[in-house]
C-alpha atoms as a PDB file:
ATOM      1  CA  MET A   1      30.574 -72.907  46.088  1.00  0.00           C
ATOM      2  CA  ASN A   2      30.775 -70.258  43.408  1.00  0.00           C
ATOM      3  CA  GLU A   3      28.453 -68.532  40.943  1.00  0.00           C
ATOM      4  CA  SER A   4      29.399 -70.801  38.024  1.00  0.00           C
ATOM      5  CA  ASN A   5      28.988 -73.947  40.153  1.00  0.00           C
ATOM      6  CA  PRO A   6      26.459 -73.161  42.920  1.00  0.00           C
ATOM      7  CA  HIS A   7      25.782 -76.789  43.873  1.00  0.00           C
ATOM      8  CA  GLY A   8      29.193 -78.029  44.957  1.00  0.00           C
ATOM      9  CA  ASP A   9      32.814 -78.600  44.109  1.00  0.00           C
ATOM     10  CA  THR A  10      32.420 -81.184  41.343  1.00  0.00           C
ATOM     11  CA  PRO A  11      32.017 -79.424  37.993  1.00  0.00           C
ATOM     12  CA  GLU A  12      29.017 -80.485  35.938  1.00  0.00           C
ATOM     13  CA  ILE A  13      31.070 -80.464  32.733  1.00  0.00           C
ATOM     14  CA  VAL A  14      34.855 -80.690  32.340  1.00  0.00           C
ATOM     15  CA  CYS A  15      36.639 -79.589  29.171  1.00  0.00           C
ATOM     16  CA  THR A  16      39.325 -82.086  28.164  1.00  0.00           C
ATOM     17  CA  GLY A  17      40.417 -80.393  24.938  1.00  0.00           C
ATOM     18  CA  SER A  18      39.562 -77.556  22.630  1.00  0.00           C
ATOM     19  CA  ARG A  19      40.189 -76.611  19.007  1.00  0.00           C
ATOM     20  CA  VAL A  20      39.284 -73.582  16.917  1.00  0.00           C
ATOM     21  CA  VAL A  21      37.248 -74.699  13.901  1.00  0.00           C
ATOM     22  CA  TYR A  22      36.648 -71.263  12.365  1.00  0.00           C
ATOM     23  CA  GLN A  23      37.822 -67.713  12.980  1.00  0.00           C
ATOM     24  CA  ASN A  24      37.625 -64.295  11.327  1.00  0.00           C
ATOM     25  CA  ARG A  25      37.654 -60.662  12.469  1.00  0.00           C
ATOM     26  CA  TRP A  26      34.191 -60.857  14.069  1.00  0.00           C
ATOM     27  CA  ILE A  27      33.723 -64.409  15.302  1.00  0.00           C
ATOM     28  CA  ARG A  28      35.554 -67.465  16.568  1.00  0.00           C
ATOM     29  CA  VAL A  29      34.004 -70.930  16.766  1.00  0.00           C
ATOM     30  CA  ARG A  30      35.602 -73.611  18.869  1.00  0.00           C
ATOM     31  CA  GLU A  31      34.742 -77.229  19.561  1.00  0.00           C
ATOM     32  CA  ASP A  32      35.412 -78.500  23.063  1.00  0.00           C
ATOM     33  CA  ALA A  33      35.753 -82.147  24.030  1.00  0.00           C
ATOM     34  CA  ILE A  34      33.913 -82.549  27.326  1.00  0.00           C
ATOM     35  CA  VAL A  35      33.108 -85.064  30.016  1.00  0.00           C
ATOM     36  CA  ARG A  36      29.742 -84.727  31.758  1.00  0.00           C
ATOM     37  CA  ALA A  37      29.246 -85.252  35.503  1.00  0.00           C
ATOM     38  CA  ASP A  38      28.035 -88.820  34.847  1.00  0.00           C
ATOM     39  CA  GLY A  39      31.283 -89.576  32.976  1.00  0.00           C
ATOM     40  CA  ALA A  40      29.753 -89.512  29.506  1.00  0.00           C
ATOM     41  CA  PRO A  41      31.981 -87.864  26.889  1.00  0.00           C
ATOM     42  CA  GLY A  42      30.688 -85.353  24.401  1.00  0.00           C
ATOM     43  CA  ILE A  43      31.431 -82.217  22.428  1.00  0.00           C
ATOM     44  CA  TYR A  44      30.274 -78.665  22.850  1.00  0.00           C
ATOM     45  CA  SER A  45      30.441 -75.989  20.163  1.00  0.00           C
ATOM     46  CA  VAL A  46      31.042 -72.460  21.433  1.00  0.00           C
ATOM     47  CA  VAL A  47      30.740 -69.222  19.476  1.00  0.00           C
ATOM     48  CA  GLU A  48      32.997 -66.472  20.808  1.00  0.00           C
ATOM     49  CA  ARG A  49      32.077 -62.895  19.930  1.00  0.00           C
ATOM     50  CA  ALA A  50      33.068 -59.560  21.411  1.00  0.00           C
ATOM     51  CA  ASP A  51      30.673 -58.001  23.897  1.00  0.00           C
ATOM     52  CA  PHE A  52      28.585 -55.206  22.443  1.00  0.00           C
ATOM     53  CA  ALA A  53      26.398 -52.278  23.392  1.00  0.00           C
ATOM     54  CA  ALA A  54      22.759 -51.565  22.538  1.00  0.00           C
ATOM     55  CA  ILE A  55      21.560 -48.029  23.041  1.00  0.00           C
ATOM     56  CA  VAL A  56      18.072 -46.696  23.803  1.00  0.00           C
ATOM     57  CA  ALA A  57      18.438 -43.084  22.650  1.00  0.00           C
ATOM     58  CA  ILE A  58      15.409 -41.051  23.718  1.00  0.00           C
ATOM     59  CA  GLN A  59      14.600 -37.374  23.457  1.00  0.00           C
ATOM     60  CA  ASP A  60      11.330 -35.422  23.408  1.00  0.00           C
ATOM     61  CA  GLY A  61       9.226 -38.604  23.580  1.00  0.00           C
ATOM     62  CA  GLN A  62      10.975 -40.182  20.617  1.00  0.00           C
ATOM     63  CA  ILE A  63      13.320 -43.157  20.342  1.00  0.00           C
ATOM     64  CA  TRP A  64      15.998 -43.406  17.669  1.00  0.00           C
ATOM     65  CA  LEU A  65      16.150 -46.597  15.612  1.00  0.00           C
ATOM     66  CA  VAL A  66      18.297 -47.787  12.751  1.00  0.00           C
ATOM     67  CA  GLU A  67      17.241 -49.940   9.814  1.00  0.00           C
ATOM     68  CA  GLN A  68      19.705 -52.042   7.893  1.00  0.00           C
ATOM     69  CA  PHE A  69      19.897 -55.137   5.754  1.00  0.00           C
ATOM     70  CA  ARG A  70      20.678 -58.206   7.841  1.00  0.00           C
ATOM     71  CA  TYR A  71      22.324 -60.693   5.492  1.00  0.00           C
ATOM     72  CA  PRO A  72      21.761 -63.899   7.539  1.00  0.00           C
ATOM     73  CA  VAL A  73      17.961 -63.435   7.341  1.00  0.00           C
ATOM     74  CA  GLY A  74      17.902 -61.631   3.992  1.00  0.00           C
ATOM     75  CA  ALA A  75      15.819 -58.607   4.999  1.00  0.00           C
ATOM     76  CA  ARG A  76      15.915 -55.069   6.403  1.00  0.00           C
ATOM     77  CA  TYR A  77      14.752 -54.519   9.981  1.00  0.00           C
ATOM     78  CA  TRP A  78      14.412 -51.675  12.487  1.00  0.00           C
ATOM     79  CA  GLU A  79      16.417 -52.064  15.688  1.00  0.00           C
ATOM     80  CA  LEU A  80      18.234 -50.124  18.376  1.00  0.00           C
ATOM     81  CA  PRO A  81      21.664 -48.734  17.498  1.00  0.00           C
ATOM     82  CA  GLN A  82      24.089 -51.444  18.576  1.00  0.00           C
ATOM     83  CA  GLY A  83      27.497 -52.871  17.913  1.00  0.00           C
ATOM     84  CA  ALA A  84      30.888 -54.070  19.093  1.00  0.00           C
ATOM     85  CA  TRP A  85      34.428 -52.868  18.602  1.00  0.00           C
ATOM     86  CA  GLU A  86      36.186 -56.110  17.713  1.00  0.00           C
ATOM     87  CA  ASP A  87      39.344 -54.214  16.707  1.00  0.00           C
ATOM     88  CA  ASP A  88      39.531 -52.401  20.050  1.00  0.00           C
ATOM     89  CA  PRO A  89      38.374 -54.916  22.693  1.00  0.00           C
ATOM     90  CA  HIS A  90      39.815 -52.946  25.618  1.00  0.00           C
ATOM     91  CA  LYS A  91      37.372 -50.041  25.294  1.00  0.00           C
ATOM     92  CA  SER A  92      34.868 -49.704  28.115  1.00  0.00           C
ATOM     93  CA  PRO A  93      31.226 -50.614  27.430  1.00  0.00           C
ATOM     94  CA  GLU A  94      30.312 -46.921  27.689  1.00  0.00           C
ATOM     95  CA  GLU A  95      32.962 -45.929  25.137  1.00  0.00           C
ATOM     96  CA  VAL A  96      31.600 -48.583  22.763  1.00  0.00           C
ATOM     97  CA  ALA A  97      28.022 -47.371  23.338  1.00  0.00           C
ATOM     98  CA  ARG A  98      28.937 -43.738  22.723  1.00  0.00           C
ATOM     99  CA  GLY A  99      30.916 -44.663  19.622  1.00  0.00           C
ATOM    100  CA  GLU A 100      28.227 -46.898  18.127  1.00  0.00           C
ATOM    101  CA  LEU A 101      25.534 -44.288  18.758  1.00  0.00           C
ATOM    102  CA  ARG A 102      27.643 -41.637  17.022  1.00  0.00           C
ATOM    103  CA  GLU A 103      28.611 -43.908  14.110  1.00  0.00           C
ATOM    104  CA  GLU A 104      25.126 -45.195  13.343  1.00  0.00           C
ATOM    105  CA  THR A 105      22.952 -42.172  14.125  1.00  0.00           C
ATOM    106  CA  GLY A 106      25.250 -39.167  14.388  1.00  0.00           C
ATOM    107  CA  LEU A 107      23.889 -38.601  17.904  1.00  0.00           C
ATOM    108  CA  VAL A 108      26.076 -37.562  20.813  1.00  0.00           C
ATOM    109  CA  ALA A 109      24.666 -38.276  24.270  1.00  0.00           C
ATOM    110  CA  GLY A 110      25.121 -35.717  27.025  1.00  0.00           C
ATOM    111  CA  LYS A 111      24.087 -38.438  29.483  1.00  0.00           C
ATOM    112  CA  MET A 112      24.714 -42.167  29.142  1.00  0.00           C
ATOM    113  CA  LEU A 113      23.366 -44.568  31.780  1.00  0.00           C
ATOM    114  CA  HIS A 114      24.446 -48.216  31.899  1.00  0.00           C
ATOM    115  CA  ALA A 115      21.202 -50.034  32.691  1.00  0.00           C
ATOM    116  CA  GLY A 116      22.540 -53.592  32.856  1.00  0.00           C
ATOM    117  CA  SER A 117      23.914 -56.425  30.791  1.00  0.00           C
ATOM    118  CA  MET A 118      22.723 -59.772  29.482  1.00  0.00           C
ATOM    119  CA  PHE A 119      24.023 -62.743  27.565  1.00  0.00           C
ATOM    120  CA  ILE A 120      22.544 -63.065  24.087  1.00  0.00           C
ATOM    121  CA  ALA A 121      22.425 -66.864  23.832  1.00  0.00           C
ATOM    122  CA  TYR A 122      24.567 -68.390  26.550  1.00  0.00           C
ATOM    123  CA  GLY A 123      23.714 -71.915  25.461  1.00  0.00           C
ATOM    124  CA  LEU A 124      26.068 -71.420  22.519  1.00  0.00           C
ATOM    125  CA  CYS A 125      27.704 -67.979  22.623  1.00  0.00           C
ATOM    126  CA  THR A 126      29.937 -66.031  25.026  1.00  0.00           C
ATOM    127  CA  GLN A 127      28.673 -62.615  23.852  1.00  0.00           C
ATOM    128  CA  ARG A 128      27.205 -60.168  26.340  1.00  0.00           C
ATOM    129  CA  CYS A 129      25.088 -57.095  25.553  1.00  0.00           C
ATOM    130  CA  ASN A 130      25.519 -53.936  27.619  1.00  0.00           C
ATOM    131  CA  ALA A 131      22.291 -51.922  27.694  1.00  0.00           C
ATOM    132  CA  PHE A 132      22.456 -48.123  27.799  1.00  0.00           C
ATOM    133  CA  LEU A 133      20.016 -45.255  28.010  1.00  0.00           C
ATOM    134  CA  ALA A 134      21.227 -42.199  26.087  1.00  0.00           C
ATOM    135  CA  THR A 135      19.636 -38.789  26.726  1.00  0.00           C
ATOM    136  CA  ASP A 136      20.473 -35.100  26.282  1.00  0.00           C
ATOM    137  CA  LEU A 137      21.151 -35.769  22.600  1.00  0.00           C
ATOM    138  CA  THR A 138      22.770 -33.522  20.020  1.00  0.00           C
ATOM    139  CA  GLN A 139      22.933 -34.283  16.297  1.00  0.00           C
ATOM    140  CA  GLN A 140      26.162 -34.577  14.331  1.00  0.00           C
ATOM    141  CA  ALA A 141      27.064 -36.500  11.154  1.00  0.00           C
ATOM    142  CA  GLN A 142      26.892 -40.299  10.912  1.00  0.00           C
ATOM    143  CA  GLN A 143      30.200 -42.184  10.598  1.00  0.00           C
ATOM    144  CA  LEU A 144      29.121 -45.488   9.033  1.00  0.00           C
ATOM    145  CA  ASP A 145      31.449 -48.452   8.568  1.00  0.00           C
ATOM    146  CA  ALA A 146      31.553 -50.233   5.203  1.00  0.00           C
ATOM    147  CA  GLU A 147      29.430 -53.044   6.712  1.00  0.00           C
ATOM    148  CA  GLU A 148      26.734 -50.473   7.522  1.00  0.00           C
ATOM    149  CA  ALA A 149      26.259 -49.204   3.963  1.00  0.00           C
ATOM    150  CA  GLY A 150      22.583 -48.479   3.430  1.00  0.00           C
ATOM    151  CA  LEU A 151      21.849 -48.037   7.152  1.00  0.00           C
ATOM    152  CA  ILE A 152      19.232 -45.393   7.832  1.00  0.00           C
ATOM    153  CA  CYS A 153      18.167 -43.904  11.139  1.00  0.00           C
ATOM    154  CA  ARG A 154      15.243 -41.876  12.352  1.00  0.00           C
ATOM    155  CA  PRO A 155      13.278 -41.162  15.505  1.00  0.00           C
ATOM    156  CA  PHE A 156       9.902 -42.753  16.248  1.00  0.00           C
ATOM    157  CA  PRO A 157       7.356 -41.593  18.819  1.00  0.00           C
ATOM    158  CA  LEU A 158       7.509 -44.023  21.755  1.00  0.00           C
ATOM    159  CA  PRO A 159       3.875 -45.204  21.281  1.00  0.00           C
ATOM    160  CA  GLU A 160       4.599 -46.015  17.611  1.00  0.00           C
ATOM    161  CA  PHE A 161       7.775 -47.902  18.622  1.00  0.00           C
ATOM    162  CA  GLU A 162       5.818 -49.923  21.187  1.00  0.00           C
ATOM    163  CA  ASN A 163       3.227 -50.774  18.497  1.00  0.00           C
ATOM    164  CA  MET A 164       6.094 -51.923  16.251  1.00  0.00           C
ATOM    165  CA  LEU A 165       7.221 -54.253  19.044  1.00  0.00           C
ATOM    166  CA  ARG A 166       3.696 -55.595  19.660  1.00  0.00           C
ATOM    167  CA  ASP A 167       2.899 -56.006  15.953  1.00  0.00           C
ATOM    168  CA  GLY A 168       6.098 -57.902  15.131  1.00  0.00           C
ATOM    169  CA  VAL A 169       7.510 -55.163  12.903  1.00  0.00           C
ATOM    170  CA  ILE A 170      10.612 -55.194  15.100  1.00  0.00           C
ATOM    171  CA  GLN A 171      12.087 -58.700  15.060  1.00  0.00           C
ATOM    172  CA  ASP A 172      15.377 -58.048  16.866  1.00  0.00           C
ATOM    173  CA  GLY A 173      15.500 -59.858  20.194  1.00  0.00           C
ATOM    174  CA  VAL A 174      18.157 -57.488  21.567  1.00  0.00           C
ATOM    175  CA  THR A 175      15.931 -54.475  20.874  1.00  0.00           C
ATOM    176  CA  MET A 176      13.024 -56.165  22.648  1.00  0.00           C
ATOM    177  CA  ALA A 177      15.093 -57.307  25.630  1.00  0.00           C
ATOM    178  CA  VAL A 178      16.981 -54.042  26.147  1.00  0.00           C
ATOM    179  CA  PHE A 179      13.875 -51.887  25.920  1.00  0.00           C
ATOM    180  CA  GLY A 180      12.057 -54.323  28.242  1.00  0.00           C
ATOM    181  CA  LEU A 181      14.901 -54.106  30.775  1.00  0.00           C
ATOM    182  CA  LEU A 182      14.794 -50.320  30.756  1.00  0.00           C
ATOM    183  CA  ARG A 183      11.000 -50.350  31.050  1.00  0.00           C
ATOM    184  CA  LEU A 184      11.134 -52.774  34.006  1.00  0.00           C
ATOM    185  CA  LYS A 185      13.667 -50.502  35.715  1.00  0.00           C
ATOM    186  CA  GLY A 186      11.355 -47.513  35.178  1.00  0.00           C
ATOM    187  CA  LEU A 187      13.894 -45.720  32.993  1.00  0.00           C
ATOM    188  CA  VAL A 188      11.612 -45.354  29.938  1.00  0.00           C
END
């Protein structure tokens, strides 16, 4: 038995063929022909995206957030600094976290703790989020990508941030999950 098939040797689903139906710099979508354990054929769509980092940057009782326009939902939202390096997939999760924090906020972390990782939506996507706690912060200049035009950042007192979570001001599931993970681990 193994982690992906804890109940025995017969796989629950077997892929019999695969084709890429869409691909660009950030995303790849494939359609797999499958056979289920009962012999029934089917298809499964899989979204492949690079793993990314989400960073809880805290100093002096304040947490740093970024706000940007999110085109798929047509609105601006506050969230944790986060991102992937699709053009440099061999960088370590910590290097990505440090780079994204610097790009989006201008902050440099003296200490960076990897708190864990999680899949974002493993029913359809391969992407994993690496959660980090950044402390001992110093401020430098932002280094925004073209896709981040209009991004703003600022610190919020932790109680205000928690109210934003409770009141639905923050709608980003990654922000909620990563902060919750760090809270459960007693890190924030």
